[in-house]
């Protein structure tokens, strides 16, 4: 998908679509215009640099390596190499997660620097939580979020609740029941989910067993509780 943003400048309206050109010279021109302030988009420039590197387009400009191209840009514009490589990393991160970022409408106003921490956050957190926070948190907050340590047992301590036709794990919505679901089916699945939730909270384990009918279920339940008493040493002497 083409990344296009429009800004008003003293020269008129400028489209920031150069990042997705397949012509090295066009990307190069866009990057240089961004540097001198005609175009103001860190994200577009980062994507341009990333695509230049990914597709080897720097070779079309007679540079044997991407590092050589960046060093030339920095020398011409008196810029720090670290800044240019940071923008490159931002662009590479955007391309890795482009579909999800475009789905939430992520752009320059959301803070492109957050993209430097997205992979670390995804290693520790649920995908939905990461993309919600990268859109809504400040750069400082998202950086801290990506570094937070999560105890292995913390997931088991999240409470599972049912509110109407919504099932929540902690404060996050996890399941939505169809409003047209048969009342008996709804009650059955609600019971199963709450039992599973209790096990999740307490760090327990569920062992699903399929039984033939209610008569077999009643006999199985009595046998299971006797076995659990034996395993846990809670037998009451007769």
Protein backbone atom coordinates (compact mmCIF):
# COMPACT_ATOMS: atom_id res chain seq x y z
CA UNK A 1 0.00 0.00 0.00
CA UNK A 2 1.28 3.43 -0.84
CA UNK A 3 2.08 5.65 2.12
CA UNK A 4 0.89 9.16 1.22
CA UNK A 5 0.62 12.21 3.44
CA UNK A 6 -0.14 15.76 2.35
CA UNK A 7 1.35 18.83 4.02
CA UNK A 8 0.99 22.50 3.22
CA UNK A 9 4.33 24.26 2.72
CA UNK A 10 5.34 27.70 1.51
CA UNK A 11 5.67 26.16 -1.96
CA UNK A 12 2.18 24.66 -1.90
CA UNK A 13 0.86 21.15 -1.26
CA UNK A 14 3.45 18.38 -1.12
CA UNK A 15 2.75 14.66 -1.31
CA UNK A 16 4.95 12.49 0.85
CA UNK A 17 4.68 9.44 -1.39
CA UNK A 18 8.31 9.25 -2.49
CA UNK A 19 9.05 6.56 0.08
CA UNK A 20 7.25 3.95 -2.03
CA UNK A 21 8.76 4.87 -5.37
CA UNK A 22 10.81 2.19 -7.09
CA UNK A 23 13.10 4.79 -8.61
CA UNK A 24 16.23 5.45 -6.58
CA UNK A 25 16.54 9.05 -7.70
CA UNK A 26 12.99 9.88 -6.57
CA UNK A 27 13.53 8.41 -3.12
CA UNK A 28 16.88 10.16 -2.88
CA UNK A 29 15.30 13.50 -3.79
CA UNK A 30 12.52 13.03 -1.26
CA UNK A 31 14.98 12.16 1.51
CA UNK A 32 17.10 15.22 0.74
CA UNK A 33 14.05 17.51 0.67
CA UNK A 34 12.94 16.11 4.02
CA UNK A 35 16.35 16.82 5.52
CA UNK A 36 16.30 20.48 4.52
CA UNK A 37 12.77 20.94 5.82
CA UNK A 38 10.75 21.23 2.63
CA UNK A 39 9.01 18.06 3.69
CA UNK A 40 8.47 17.27 7.35
CA UNK A 41 7.93 13.53 7.82
CA UNK A 42 10.33 11.36 9.80
CA UNK A 43 8.18 8.35 9.04
CA UNK A 44 8.20 8.88 5.27
CA UNK A 45 11.94 9.47 5.24
CA UNK A 46 12.53 6.40 7.40
CA UNK A 47 10.47 4.26 5.06
CA UNK A 48 12.35 5.73 2.09
CA UNK A 49 15.70 4.85 3.64
CA UNK A 50 14.46 1.36 4.56
CA UNK A 51 13.23 0.65 1.05
CA UNK A 52 16.43 2.04 -0.43
CA UNK A 53 18.34 -0.49 1.71
CA UNK A 54 15.89 -3.38 1.32
CA UNK A 55 15.82 -3.19 -2.47
CA UNK A 56 19.46 -2.26 -2.94
CA UNK A 57 18.47 0.98 -4.67
CA UNK A 58 21.55 2.76 -3.34
CA UNK A 59 23.49 0.86 -6.00
CA UNK A 60 21.53 2.72 -8.68
CA UNK A 61 23.04 5.90 -7.22
CA UNK A 62 26.56 4.44 -7.48
CA UNK A 63 26.91 3.63 -3.77
CA UNK A 64 28.21 0.15 -3.03
CA UNK A 65 26.65 0.12 0.45
CA UNK A 66 23.78 1.75 2.33
CA UNK A 67 26.27 3.01 4.89
CA UNK A 68 28.16 4.85 2.16
CA UNK A 69 24.95 6.47 0.94
CA UNK A 70 24.00 7.59 4.46
CA UNK A 71 27.48 8.94 5.16
CA UNK A 72 27.29 11.02 1.98
CA UNK A 73 23.89 12.42 3.00
CA UNK A 74 25.24 13.31 6.44
CA UNK A 75 28.34 14.97 5.02
CA UNK A 76 26.35 17.07 2.56
CA UNK A 77 23.81 18.19 5.16
CA UNK A 78 26.06 18.32 8.24
CA UNK A 79 24.01 15.72 10.07
CA UNK A 80 24.90 13.13 12.68
CA UNK A 81 25.09 9.57 11.37
CA UNK A 82 23.26 8.37 14.46
CA UNK A 83 20.17 10.40 13.54
CA UNK A 84 20.06 9.01 10.01
CA UNK A 85 20.48 5.42 11.19
CA UNK A 86 17.74 5.99 13.78
CA UNK A 87 15.37 7.09 10.99
CA UNK A 88 16.39 4.03 8.99
CA UNK A 89 15.52 1.79 11.96
CA UNK A 90 12.14 3.53 12.28
CA UNK A 91 11.42 2.87 8.61
CA UNK A 92 12.45 -0.78 8.85
CA UNK A 93 10.19 -1.29 11.88
CA UNK A 94 7.28 0.33 10.04
CA UNK A 95 7.72 -1.98 7.04
CA UNK A 96 7.86 -5.07 9.30
CA UNK A 97 4.52 -4.17 10.87
CA UNK A 98 3.01 -2.13 8.06
CA UNK A 99 -0.34 -3.91 7.81
CA UNK A 100 -1.13 -3.59 11.53
CA UNK A 101 0.15 -0.01 11.75
CA UNK A 102 -1.91 1.12 8.77
CA UNK A 103 -4.95 -0.61 10.26
CA UNK A 104 -4.76 1.63 13.35
CA UNK A 105 -3.92 4.71 11.27
CA UNK A 106 -0.43 5.19 12.70
CA UNK A 107 1.33 8.27 11.31
CA UNK A 108 3.87 10.98 12.17
CA UNK A 109 1.51 12.59 14.69
CA UNK A 110 1.59 9.38 16.77
CA UNK A 111 5.36 9.57 17.31
CA UNK A 112 7.49 7.51 14.87
CA UNK A 113 10.18 7.05 17.55
CA UNK A 114 7.87 4.54 19.26
CA UNK A 115 8.62 2.15 16.40
CA UNK A 116 12.13 1.69 17.80
CA UNK A 117 10.58 -0.25 20.70
CA UNK A 118 7.77 -2.15 18.99
CA UNK A 119 9.59 -5.46 18.49
CA UNK A 120 10.68 -5.59 22.13
CA UNK A 121 7.11 -4.89 23.24
CA UNK A 122 5.74 -7.66 21.00
CA UNK A 123 8.13 -10.17 22.55
CA UNK A 124 6.51 -9.64 25.95
CA UNK A 125 2.95 -8.50 25.33
CA UNK A 126 -0.18 -9.44 23.43
CA UNK A 127 -0.30 -8.00 19.92
CA UNK A 128 -3.60 -6.16 20.49
CA UNK A 129 -2.24 -4.46 23.61
CA UNK A 130 0.94 -3.35 21.85
CA UNK A 131 -0.82 -1.77 18.88
CA UNK A 132 -3.38 -0.08 21.11
CA UNK A 133 -0.63 1.45 23.22
CA UNK A 134 1.63 2.49 20.36
CA UNK A 135 -1.25 4.59 19.08
CA UNK A 136 -2.29 6.10 22.42
CA UNK A 137 0.83 6.30 24.61
CA UNK A 138 3.50 8.99 24.52
CA UNK A 139 6.97 7.98 23.31
CA UNK A 140 8.24 7.88 26.91
CA UNK A 141 5.30 5.78 28.08
CA UNK A 142 5.61 3.30 25.22
CA UNK A 143 9.35 2.95 25.76
CA UNK A 144 8.73 2.17 29.45
CA UNK A 145 5.90 -0.21 28.49
CA UNK A 146 8.24 -2.13 26.16
CA UNK A 147 10.77 -2.55 28.97
CA UNK A 148 8.41 -3.63 31.73
CA UNK A 149 9.05 -7.09 33.10
CA UNK A 150 6.07 -9.42 33.33
CA UNK A 151 6.08 -12.11 35.97
CA UNK A 152 5.42 -15.56 34.57
CA UNK A 153 2.50 -16.03 36.96
CA UNK A 154 0.87 -12.65 36.33
CA UNK A 155 -1.21 -13.96 33.44
CA UNK A 156 -2.76 -16.53 35.77
CA UNK A 157 -3.88 -13.78 38.14
CA UNK A 158 -6.12 -11.97 35.68
CA UNK A 159 -9.75 -12.23 36.66
CA UNK A 160 -12.24 -13.57 34.11
CA UNK A 161 -15.72 -12.01 34.23
CA UNK A 162 -18.85 -12.12 32.10
CA UNK A 163 -20.81 -8.89 31.59
CA UNK A 164 -23.86 -9.33 29.43
CA UNK A 165 -22.63 -11.04 26.28
CA UNK A 166 -19.00 -9.94 26.82
CA UNK A 167 -16.24 -11.97 28.47
CA UNK A 168 -13.34 -9.99 29.98
CA UNK A 169 -9.88 -11.07 31.13
CA UNK A 170 -8.91 -8.36 33.55
CA UNK A 171 -10.12 -5.16 31.87
CA UNK A 172 -9.70 -6.42 28.33
CA UNK A 173 -12.54 -7.81 26.24
CA UNK A 174 -11.75 -11.38 25.19
CA UNK A 175 -14.96 -12.99 23.84
CA UNK A 176 -18.31 -11.74 22.54
CA UNK A 177 -21.31 -14.07 22.52
CA UNK A 178 -23.74 -13.81 19.61
CA UNK A 179 -26.94 -12.18 20.94
CA UNK A 180 -28.98 -14.72 18.97
CA UNK A 181 -27.34 -17.67 20.71
CA UNK A 182 -29.78 -20.15 22.25
CA UNK A 183 -30.27 -19.50 25.98
CA UNK A 184 -29.21 -23.03 26.93
CA UNK A 185 -26.07 -22.83 24.79
CA UNK A 186 -25.24 -19.43 26.28
CA UNK A 187 -25.59 -20.78 29.83
CA UNK A 188 -23.46 -23.81 29.00
CA UNK A 189 -20.59 -21.86 27.45
CA UNK A 190 -20.76 -19.21 30.16
CA UNK A 191 -20.32 -21.90 32.80
CA UNK A 192 -17.40 -23.47 30.92
CA UNK A 193 -15.69 -20.08 30.52
CA UNK A 194 -16.09 -19.15 34.19
CA UNK A 195 -14.64 -22.50 35.27
CA UNK A 196 -11.75 -22.00 32.86
CA UNK A 197 -11.34 -18.46 34.19
CA UNK A 198 -11.14 -19.67 37.78
CA UNK A 199 -8.41 -22.10 36.78
CA UNK A 200 -6.59 -19.28 34.96
CA UNK A 201 -6.73 -17.02 38.02
CA UNK A 202 -5.45 -19.71 40.38
CA UNK A 203 -2.83 -21.17 38.06
CA UNK A 204 -4.77 -24.42 37.78
CA UNK A 205 -5.10 -26.83 34.86
CA UNK A 206 -8.26 -27.94 33.06
CA UNK A 207 -8.52 -31.48 31.74
CA UNK A 208 -11.39 -31.72 29.23
CA UNK A 209 -13.06 -35.14 29.17
CA UNK A 210 -15.91 -36.11 26.87
CA UNK A 211 -18.57 -38.32 28.49
CA UNK A 212 -21.44 -40.18 26.89
CA UNK A 213 -24.34 -38.77 28.92
CA UNK A 214 -25.38 -37.18 32.24
CA UNK A 215 -25.55 -40.53 34.01
CA UNK A 216 -21.96 -41.27 33.05
CA UNK A 217 -21.00 -37.70 34.02
CA UNK A 218 -22.44 -38.11 37.53
CA UNK A 219 -20.58 -41.40 38.06
CA UNK A 220 -17.37 -39.90 36.67
CA UNK A 221 -17.67 -36.83 38.92
CA UNK A 222 -17.95 -38.95 42.07
CA UNK A 223 -14.95 -41.04 41.03
CA UNK A 224 -12.89 -37.97 40.22
CA UNK A 225 -13.49 -36.34 43.59
CA UNK A 226 -12.51 -39.57 45.37
CA UNK A 227 -9.30 -39.70 43.34
CA UNK A 228 -8.53 -36.03 44.05
CA UNK A 229 -8.99 -36.63 47.78
CA UNK A 230 -6.49 -39.49 47.59
CA UNK A 231 -3.98 -37.46 45.57
CA UNK A 232 -4.20 -34.45 47.90
CA UNK A 233 -4.27 -36.48 51.11
CA UNK A 234 -7.60 -35.07 52.21
CA UNK A 235 -9.40 -38.37 52.84
CA UNK A 236 -11.57 -38.39 55.93
CA UNK A 237 -11.24 -41.67 57.83
CA UNK A 238 -14.47 -43.65 57.96
